[in-house]
Amino acid sequence: MKTLSLHKITKSFFDDLSPSAACDSNSTGEVFETAEEHSGDSVDWFFRNVNGYYKSNLKIGHLNINSLQNKLDEVKNILNKCLFDIFFISETKLDGTTSDSFLQQPGYRTIRRDRKKGAGGLIAFVREDIPVCRRRNLEPESVESLCLDVMDSKKARFIVCACYRSPKFCKITDFLSSLTSAIELMYTSRQEILLIGDFNIDLLVGEHGVDAEDNSLMDLCDRLYADDTTHYASDVSPTVLQYIINSDLSVLSRWFSMNFLQINAAKTQAIAIGPSSYQYDFHLNDSNVHTKDTLKILGVVLDSKLTFKAHIKQQLNKGCAKASALRRIPSKLWNALPPRLRESQDIVSFKRSLKAHMA
């Protein structure tokens, strides 16, 4: 079973919201300037402290700017100081009439998602030397978002998805539902996922009498995704076995629902192993579960008679494919091997077996 557990969303990057706790110390004992101590603007403070301390880390930021055109100079000032490697901006309010050349910034490339009417909109400024590609197929449906596949300096790949939720056009329940489905899809591609953006959801709900529905954002990362969950049962009577499986599927479905999980009925399959030709009727909620002649479980192809013919055939095909690749090795390359290695009994026996197999 594969699982995904995301870090819980918090009200702040720091557990303690006080400025002193956020700025006084870090894990190495080095000291940051406090908000009261630093001089100059917040950009300079960020450059000296956060950017200076995390020199080898990718720095990713987001800002809701409410129209980029009249604030472009401030954005370019941030980029000129290399404060961020990837910098997302929401509510750009750009459309097709704004050219990429107008937004061009030395050392960065831009990835845009504009609205037709010029409202909303997202843009990402990405440092030119960072391998990044946009993954449109992973972006949440009906949500304004940019999903990027990123490679960091250690060659590790992860996904960063920037989202903007308009309070006027996107309900919180619809937003979280779409985001949850997208995360599940992202996880099939990468196991490291970063969500960033302006969700327009109050993280302090419940403390000031705000609708408790909004608090579901805090619970989003407590959810669990499971893949390839296997259930089995045995009995001499096919009718009893059918009843057991259907009852267990019903109980399992309820348990999954209570724990914010959902079984994909379309991907659920069953196999009946044994001599009986009984036509089983398995069902999950209102959907029928298809009974297959073969089923792959943990890398092994099972068949209803346990002959393992399908599994053996699959492994033979893989072996033949690898042997065929060896057959294409040029004789010059083979002869380039040291004589001691070419003439060893293991190599000679292997080559003889390989030629016999290919004959």
Protein backbone atom coordinates (compact mmCIF):
# COMPACT_ATOMS: atom_id res chain seq x y z
CA MET A 1 0.00 0.00 0.00
CA LYS A 2 1.39 3.41 -0.96
CA THR A 3 0.65 6.35 1.31
CA LEU A 4 0.97 10.11 1.13
CA SER A 5 1.07 12.36 4.16
CA LEU A 6 1.60 16.07 3.66
CA HIS A 7 3.00 18.42 6.27
CA LYS A 8 0.16 20.06 8.15
CA ILE A 9 -0.73 23.59 7.10
CA THR A 10 0.09 26.07 9.86
CA LYS A 11 -0.76 29.67 10.55
CA SER A 12 2.87 30.68 10.12
CA PHE A 13 6.26 29.39 9.03
CA PHE A 14 7.13 29.60 12.73
CA ASP A 15 5.23 27.73 15.48
CA ASP A 16 5.36 30.81 17.68
CA LEU A 17 3.80 33.84 16.01
CA SER A 18 5.76 36.36 18.07
CA PRO A 19 8.42 38.34 16.15
CA SER A 20 11.08 37.45 18.72
CA ALA A 21 10.54 33.72 18.27
CA ALA A 22 10.58 34.08 14.51
CA CYS A 23 13.75 36.11 14.31
CA ASP A 24 15.91 35.50 17.38
CA SER A 25 17.21 31.98 16.74
CA ASN A 26 17.48 29.02 14.43
CA SER A 27 18.50 25.36 14.64
CA THR A 28 22.22 26.13 14.44
CA GLY A 29 22.22 28.74 17.16
CA GLU A 30 22.91 31.60 14.75
CA VAL A 31 21.07 34.82 15.46
CA PHE A 32 18.71 36.67 13.13
CA GLU A 33 18.01 40.35 13.51
CA THR A 34 14.68 41.03 15.20
CA ALA A 35 12.07 43.21 13.54
CA GLU A 36 12.84 45.99 16.04
CA GLU A 37 16.61 45.81 15.46
CA HIS A 38 16.88 45.79 11.68
CA SER A 39 17.25 48.97 9.73
CA GLY A 40 16.02 49.68 6.23
CA ASP A 41 13.12 48.05 4.43
CA SER A 42 11.89 44.47 4.76
CA VAL A 43 13.54 43.45 1.47
CA ASP A 44 16.99 44.32 2.84
CA TRP A 45 16.23 42.47 6.07
CA PHE A 46 15.18 39.39 4.11
CA PHE A 47 18.34 39.52 2.01
CA ARG A 48 20.64 39.73 5.05
CA ASN A 49 18.89 37.09 7.14
CA VAL A 50 16.72 34.50 5.37
CA ASN A 51 18.42 34.69 1.98
CA GLY A 52 21.88 34.88 3.54
CA TYR A 53 21.35 31.94 5.86
CA TYR A 54 19.71 29.52 3.38
CA LYS A 55 22.32 29.99 0.65
CA SER A 56 22.09 26.51 -0.90
CA ASN A 57 18.31 26.13 -0.71
CA LEU A 58 15.81 26.98 -3.41
CA LYS A 59 13.84 30.01 -2.30
CA ILE A 60 10.24 30.08 -3.50
CA GLY A 61 7.89 32.95 -2.77
CA HIS A 62 4.40 34.20 -3.55
CA LEU A 63 2.80 37.62 -3.54
CA ASN A 64 -0.73 38.79 -4.30
CA ILE A 65 0.00 42.04 -6.05
CA ASN A 66 -3.44 43.16 -7.33
CA SER A 67 -2.25 44.31 -10.78
CA LEU A 68 1.34 43.77 -11.88
CA GLN A 69 1.73 46.53 -14.43
CA ASN A 70 1.81 49.42 -11.97
CA LYS A 71 4.00 47.51 -9.48
CA LEU A 72 6.47 45.96 -11.92
CA ASP A 73 9.37 48.13 -10.70
CA GLU A 74 8.99 46.82 -7.14
CA VAL A 75 8.87 43.23 -8.40
CA LYS A 76 11.99 43.73 -10.52
CA ASN A 77 13.76 45.20 -7.49
CA ILE A 78 13.05 41.96 -5.59
CA LEU A 79 14.30 39.87 -8.52
CA ASN A 80 17.40 42.03 -9.01
CA LYS A 81 18.46 41.19 -5.46
CA CYS A 82 17.95 37.47 -6.21
CA LEU A 83 15.67 37.07 -3.21
CA PHE A 84 13.77 34.22 -4.86
CA ASP A 85 14.64 31.46 -7.30
CA ILE A 86 10.96 31.01 -8.17
CA PHE A 87 8.62 33.92 -7.51
CA PHE A 88 4.86 33.52 -8.02
CA ILE A 89 2.53 36.50 -8.32
CA SER A 90 -1.25 36.23 -8.22
CA GLU A 91 -3.91 38.69 -9.39
CA THR A 92 -1.59 39.99 -12.10
CA LYS A 93 -4.60 41.28 -14.05
CA LEU A 94 -2.75 40.74 -17.31
CA ASP A 95 -4.19 39.58 -20.62
CA GLY A 96 -3.00 38.87 -24.14
CA THR A 97 -2.31 42.55 -24.81
CA THR A 98 0.66 42.49 -22.41
CA SER A 99 3.75 41.13 -24.16
CA ASP A 100 6.34 38.88 -22.52
CA SER A 101 9.05 41.37 -23.46
CA PHE A 102 7.41 43.98 -21.21
CA LEU A 103 7.75 41.59 -18.26
CA GLN A 104 11.23 40.36 -19.17
CA GLN A 105 13.77 40.31 -16.35
CA PRO A 106 17.47 39.42 -16.87
CA GLY A 107 18.30 36.03 -15.39
CA TYR A 108 14.65 34.92 -15.22
CA ARG A 109 12.06 33.44 -17.54
CA THR A 110 8.31 33.87 -17.12
CA ILE A 111 5.47 31.36 -17.08
CA ARG A 112 2.04 32.97 -17.29
CA ARG A 113 -1.59 32.07 -16.87
CA ASP A 114 -3.77 35.04 -17.81
CA ARG A 115 -7.50 35.52 -17.75
CA LYS A 116 -9.18 36.66 -20.93
CA LYS A 117 -10.75 39.70 -19.28
CA GLY A 118 -7.61 40.85 -17.50
CA ALA A 119 -8.74 40.04 -13.95
CA GLY A 120 -7.05 37.47 -11.73
CA GLY A 121 -4.07 35.82 -13.40
CA LEU A 122 -0.87 34.12 -12.26
CA ILE A 123 2.77 34.47 -13.27
CA ALA A 124 5.96 32.72 -12.20
CA PHE A 125 9.40 34.28 -12.50
CA VAL A 126 11.85 31.34 -12.65
CA ARG A 127 15.62 31.64 -12.51
CA GLU A 128 17.01 30.64 -15.91
CA ASP A 129 19.39 27.97 -14.64
CA ILE A 130 16.69 26.01 -12.78
CA PRO A 131 15.19 23.10 -14.77
CA VAL A 132 11.42 23.69 -14.68
CA CYS A 133 8.51 22.61 -16.85
CA ARG A 134 4.84 23.41 -16.52
CA ARG A 135 2.53 20.44 -15.87
CA ARG A 136 -0.85 21.60 -17.16
CA ASN A 137 -2.34 18.12 -16.75
CA LEU A 138 -1.74 18.28 -12.98
CA GLU A 139 -3.32 21.68 -12.39
CA PRO A 140 -6.55 21.54 -10.32
CA GLU A 141 -9.71 21.79 -12.40
CA SER A 142 -11.69 25.03 -12.11
CA VAL A 143 -8.91 26.54 -9.97
CA GLU A 144 -6.60 29.33 -11.10
CA SER A 145 -3.21 27.64 -10.74
CA LEU A 146 0.28 27.08 -12.10
CA CYS A 147 1.83 23.65 -11.54
CA LEU A 148 5.59 23.37 -12.08
CA ASP A 149 7.86 20.33 -12.08
CA VAL A 150 11.15 21.52 -10.56
CA MET A 151 14.65 20.05 -10.18
CA ASP A 152 16.74 21.42 -7.32
CA SER A 153 20.53 21.69 -7.01
CA LYS A 154 20.73 18.12 -5.68
CA LYS A 155 18.94 16.78 -8.79
CA ALA A 156 15.85 15.97 -6.72
CA ARG A 157 12.51 16.65 -8.44
CA PHE A 158 9.38 18.00 -6.81
CA ILE A 159 6.17 19.76 -7.74
CA VAL A 160 5.23 23.27 -6.69
CA CYS A 161 1.67 24.38 -7.36
CA ALA A 162 0.62 28.01 -6.94
CA CYS A 163 -3.12 28.65 -6.60
CA TYR A 164 -5.38 31.67 -6.31
CA ARG A 165 -8.95 31.30 -5.06
CA SER A 166 -11.34 34.09 -5.89
CA PRO A 167 -13.84 34.41 -3.00
CA LYS A 168 -16.43 35.65 -5.47
CA PHE A 169 -16.24 32.86 -8.06
CA CYS A 170 -14.89 29.78 -6.24
CA LYS A 171 -16.49 28.28 -3.13
CA ILE A 172 -14.19 26.92 -0.44
CA THR A 173 -15.69 23.43 -0.68
CA ASP A 174 -15.24 23.35 -4.47
CA PHE A 175 -11.69 24.69 -4.16
CA LEU A 176 -10.61 22.10 -1.58
CA SER A 177 -12.32 19.26 -3.45
CA SER A 178 -10.50 20.14 -6.67
CA LEU A 179 -7.22 20.65 -4.81
CA THR A 180 -7.54 17.27 -3.09
CA SER A 181 -8.09 15.47 -6.41
CA ALA A 182 -5.14 17.31 -7.95
CA ILE A 183 -2.82 16.37 -5.07
CA GLU A 184 -3.70 12.72 -5.57
CA LEU A 185 -2.80 13.04 -9.25
CA MET A 186 0.41 14.95 -8.49
CA TYR A 187 1.53 12.24 -6.10
CA THR A 188 1.50 9.68 -8.90
CA SER A 189 4.19 11.79 -10.56
CA ARG A 190 6.23 13.17 -7.64
CA GLN A 191 6.29 12.38 -3.93
CA GLU A 192 7.38 15.90 -2.88
CA ILE A 193 4.62 18.49 -3.32
CA LEU A 194 4.59 22.16 -2.32
CA LEU A 195 1.37 24.20 -2.34
CA ILE A 196 1.67 27.98 -2.32
CA GLY A 197 -0.60 30.91 -3.09
CA ASP A 198 -3.49 33.02 -1.91
CA PHE A 199 -6.35 30.71 -0.93
CA ASN A 200 -8.41 33.47 0.73
CA ILE A 201 -9.24 31.15 3.62
CA ASP A 202 -9.00 32.23 7.25
CA LEU A 203 -6.69 29.80 9.07
CA LEU A 204 -7.92 31.10 12.42
CA VAL A 205 -11.51 29.97 11.86
CA GLY A 206 -13.35 28.59 14.83
CA GLU A 207 -11.68 31.07 17.16
CA HIS A 208 -13.76 34.07 16.12
CA GLY A 209 -17.06 32.49 15.19
CA VAL A 210 -16.28 32.13 11.50
CA ASP A 211 -18.00 29.36 9.52
CA ALA A 212 -16.37 26.07 10.59
CA GLU A 213 -16.46 24.90 6.98
CA ASP A 214 -13.43 27.08 6.29
CA ASN A 215 -11.38 25.11 8.81
CA SER A 216 -11.21 22.20 6.38
CA LEU A 217 -8.01 23.73 4.97
CA MET A 218 -6.26 22.89 8.24
CA ASP A 219 -7.38 19.28 7.83
CA LEU A 220 -6.37 18.99 4.17
CA CYS A 221 -2.91 17.57 4.87
CA ASP A 222 -4.20 15.12 7.48
CA ARG A 223 -5.74 13.08 4.70
CA LEU A 224 -4.25 9.82 3.52
CA TYR A 225 -4.08 8.38 0.03
CA ALA A 226 -3.76 4.62 -0.37
CA ASP A 227 -3.05 2.66 -3.53
CA ASP A 228 -3.16 -1.09 -4.28
CA THR A 229 -5.08 -2.02 -1.15
CA THR A 230 -5.71 -5.80 -1.24
CA HIS A 231 -8.47 -7.78 0.49
CA TYR A 232 -9.00 -11.53 0.36
CA ALA A 233 -11.32 -14.18 1.83
CA SER A 234 -11.78 -17.95 1.46
CA ASP A 235 -14.66 -20.40 1.87
CA VAL A 236 -15.82 -23.67 0.34
CA SER A 237 -19.15 -22.19 -0.71
CA PRO A 238 -19.12 -19.62 -3.55
CA THR A 239 -22.36 -18.02 -2.31
CA VAL A 240 -20.97 -17.61 1.20
CA LEU A 241 -17.72 -16.25 -0.22
CA GLN A 242 -19.65 -13.72 -2.31
CA TYR A 243 -21.58 -12.57 0.76
CA ILE A 244 -18.38 -12.20 2.81
CA ILE A 245 -16.60 -10.14 0.16
CA ASN A 246 -19.58 -7.84 -0.45
CA SER A 247 -20.06 -7.31 3.29
CA ASP A 248 -16.38 -6.54 3.77
CA LEU A 249 -16.38 -4.11 0.84
CA SER A 250 -19.33 -2.30 2.41
CA VAL A 251 -17.57 -2.02 5.78
CA LEU A 252 -14.32 -0.98 4.11
CA SER A 253 -16.08 1.71 2.08
CA ARG A 254 -17.64 3.21 5.22
CA TRP A 255 -14.30 3.16 7.06
CA PHE A 256 -12.55 4.85 4.13
CA SER A 257 -15.22 7.54 4.04
CA MET A 258 -14.84 8.23 7.77
CA ASN A 259 -11.10 8.72 7.25
CA PHE A 260 -11.43 11.05 4.24
CA LEU A 261 -10.61 8.28 1.76
CA GLN A 262 -12.51 7.11 -1.27
CA ILE A 263 -12.32 3.80 -3.11
CA ASN A 264 -12.09 4.10 -6.87
CA ALA A 265 -14.72 1.57 -7.97
CA ALA A 266 -13.62 1.78 -11.62
CA LYS A 267 -10.14 0.50 -10.71
CA THR A 268 -11.29 -2.13 -8.21
CA GLN A 269 -10.89 -5.68 -9.57
CA ALA A 270 -11.38 -9.20 -8.24
CA ILE A 271 -10.16 -12.69 -9.06
CA ALA A 272 -11.77 -15.98 -8.02
CA ILE A 273 -9.17 -18.69 -7.44
CA GLY A 274 -10.37 -22.28 -7.43
CA PRO A 275 -12.14 -24.98 -9.45
CA SER A 276 -15.63 -23.45 -9.24
CA SER A 277 -17.12 -21.82 -12.36
CA TYR A 278 -19.55 -19.78 -10.26
CA GLN A 279 -20.26 -16.32 -11.67
CA TYR A 280 -19.60 -13.98 -8.77
CA ASP A 281 -21.51 -10.74 -8.32
CA PHE A 282 -19.25 -8.41 -6.35
CA HIS A 283 -20.30 -4.79 -5.93
CA LEU A 284 -18.95 -1.67 -4.29
CA ASN A 285 -21.63 0.85 -3.36
CA ASP A 286 -23.61 1.16 -6.62
CA SER A 287 -20.88 -0.13 -8.94
CA ASN A 288 -20.07 -3.66 -10.06
CA VAL A 289 -16.58 -5.01 -9.39
CA HIS A 290 -15.17 -6.77 -12.45
CA THR A 291 -13.91 -10.33 -12.00
CA LYS A 292 -10.73 -10.93 -13.99
CA ASP A 293 -9.02 -14.13 -15.20
CA THR A 294 -5.63 -12.74 -14.14
CA LEU A 295 -4.67 -10.12 -11.59
CA LYS A 296 -1.27 -8.61 -10.77
CA ILE A 297 -0.62 -8.35 -7.03
CA LEU A 298 2.74 -7.18 -5.64
CA GLY A 299 4.44 -7.85 -8.98
CA VAL A 300 3.09 -11.40 -9.40
CA VAL A 301 0.46 -12.21 -12.04
CA LEU A 302 -2.07 -14.59 -10.48
CA ASP A 303 -4.50 -16.68 -12.53
CA SER A 304 -7.69 -18.41 -11.39
CA LYS A 305 -6.06 -21.88 -11.48
CA LEU A 306 -2.73 -20.77 -9.95
CA THR A 307 -0.76 -22.17 -12.88
CA PHE A 308 1.35 -18.98 -12.99
CA LYS A 309 1.58 -19.35 -16.78
CA ALA A 310 0.82 -15.68 -17.36
CA HIS A 311 3.46 -14.63 -14.83
CA ILE A 312 6.11 -16.97 -16.28
CA LYS A 313 5.36 -15.73 -19.80
CA GLN A 314 5.72 -12.13 -18.68
CA GLN A 315 9.08 -12.81 -17.02
CA LEU A 316 10.32 -14.74 -20.08
CA ASN A 317 9.41 -11.83 -22.33
CA LYS A 318 11.39 -9.48 -20.09
CA GLY A 319 14.37 -11.86 -20.09
CA CYS A 320 14.29 -12.26 -23.87
CA ALA A 321 14.19 -8.50 -24.32
CA LYS A 322 17.32 -8.11 -22.19
CA ALA A 323 19.05 -11.03 -23.96
CA SER A 324 18.24 -9.48 -27.33
CA ALA A 325 19.89 -6.28 -26.18
CA LEU A 326 23.05 -8.25 -25.31
CA ARG A 327 22.99 -9.91 -28.72
CA ARG A 328 23.39 -6.52 -30.35
CA ILE A 329 26.69 -5.85 -28.58
CA PRO A 330 29.32 -5.33 -31.35
CA SER A 331 32.06 -7.96 -31.57
CA LYS A 332 34.65 -5.21 -31.24
CA LEU A 333 33.19 -4.23 -27.89
CA TRP A 334 33.12 -7.87 -26.76
CA ASN A 335 36.73 -8.42 -27.86
CA ALA A 336 37.73 -5.26 -26.03
CA LEU A 337 37.06 -7.02 -22.72
CA PRO A 338 40.20 -8.30 -20.92
CA PRO A 339 41.08 -11.89 -22.03
CA ARG A 340 40.90 -13.07 -18.44
CA LEU A 341 37.28 -11.94 -18.28
CA ARG A 342 36.27 -13.18 -21.75
CA GLU A 343 37.79 -16.64 -21.16
CA SER A 344 36.47 -17.19 -17.64
CA GLN A 345 34.15 -20.17 -17.28
CA ASP A 346 31.24 -18.04 -16.14
CA ILE A 347 31.45 -15.74 -19.15
CA VAL A 348 32.03 -18.59 -21.63
CA SER A 349 29.09 -20.56 -20.23
CA PHE A 350 26.88 -17.50 -20.36
CA LYS A 351 27.87 -16.72 -23.95
CA ARG A 352 27.31 -20.33 -25.01
CA SER A 353 23.87 -20.36 -23.38
CA LEU A 354 23.04 -17.04 -24.98
CA LYS A 355 24.00 -18.26 -28.47
CA ALA A 356 21.99 -21.46 -27.99
CA HIS A 357 18.97 -19.43 -26.93
CA MET A 358 19.28 -17.08 -29.91
CA ALA A 359 19.80 -19.85 -32.48
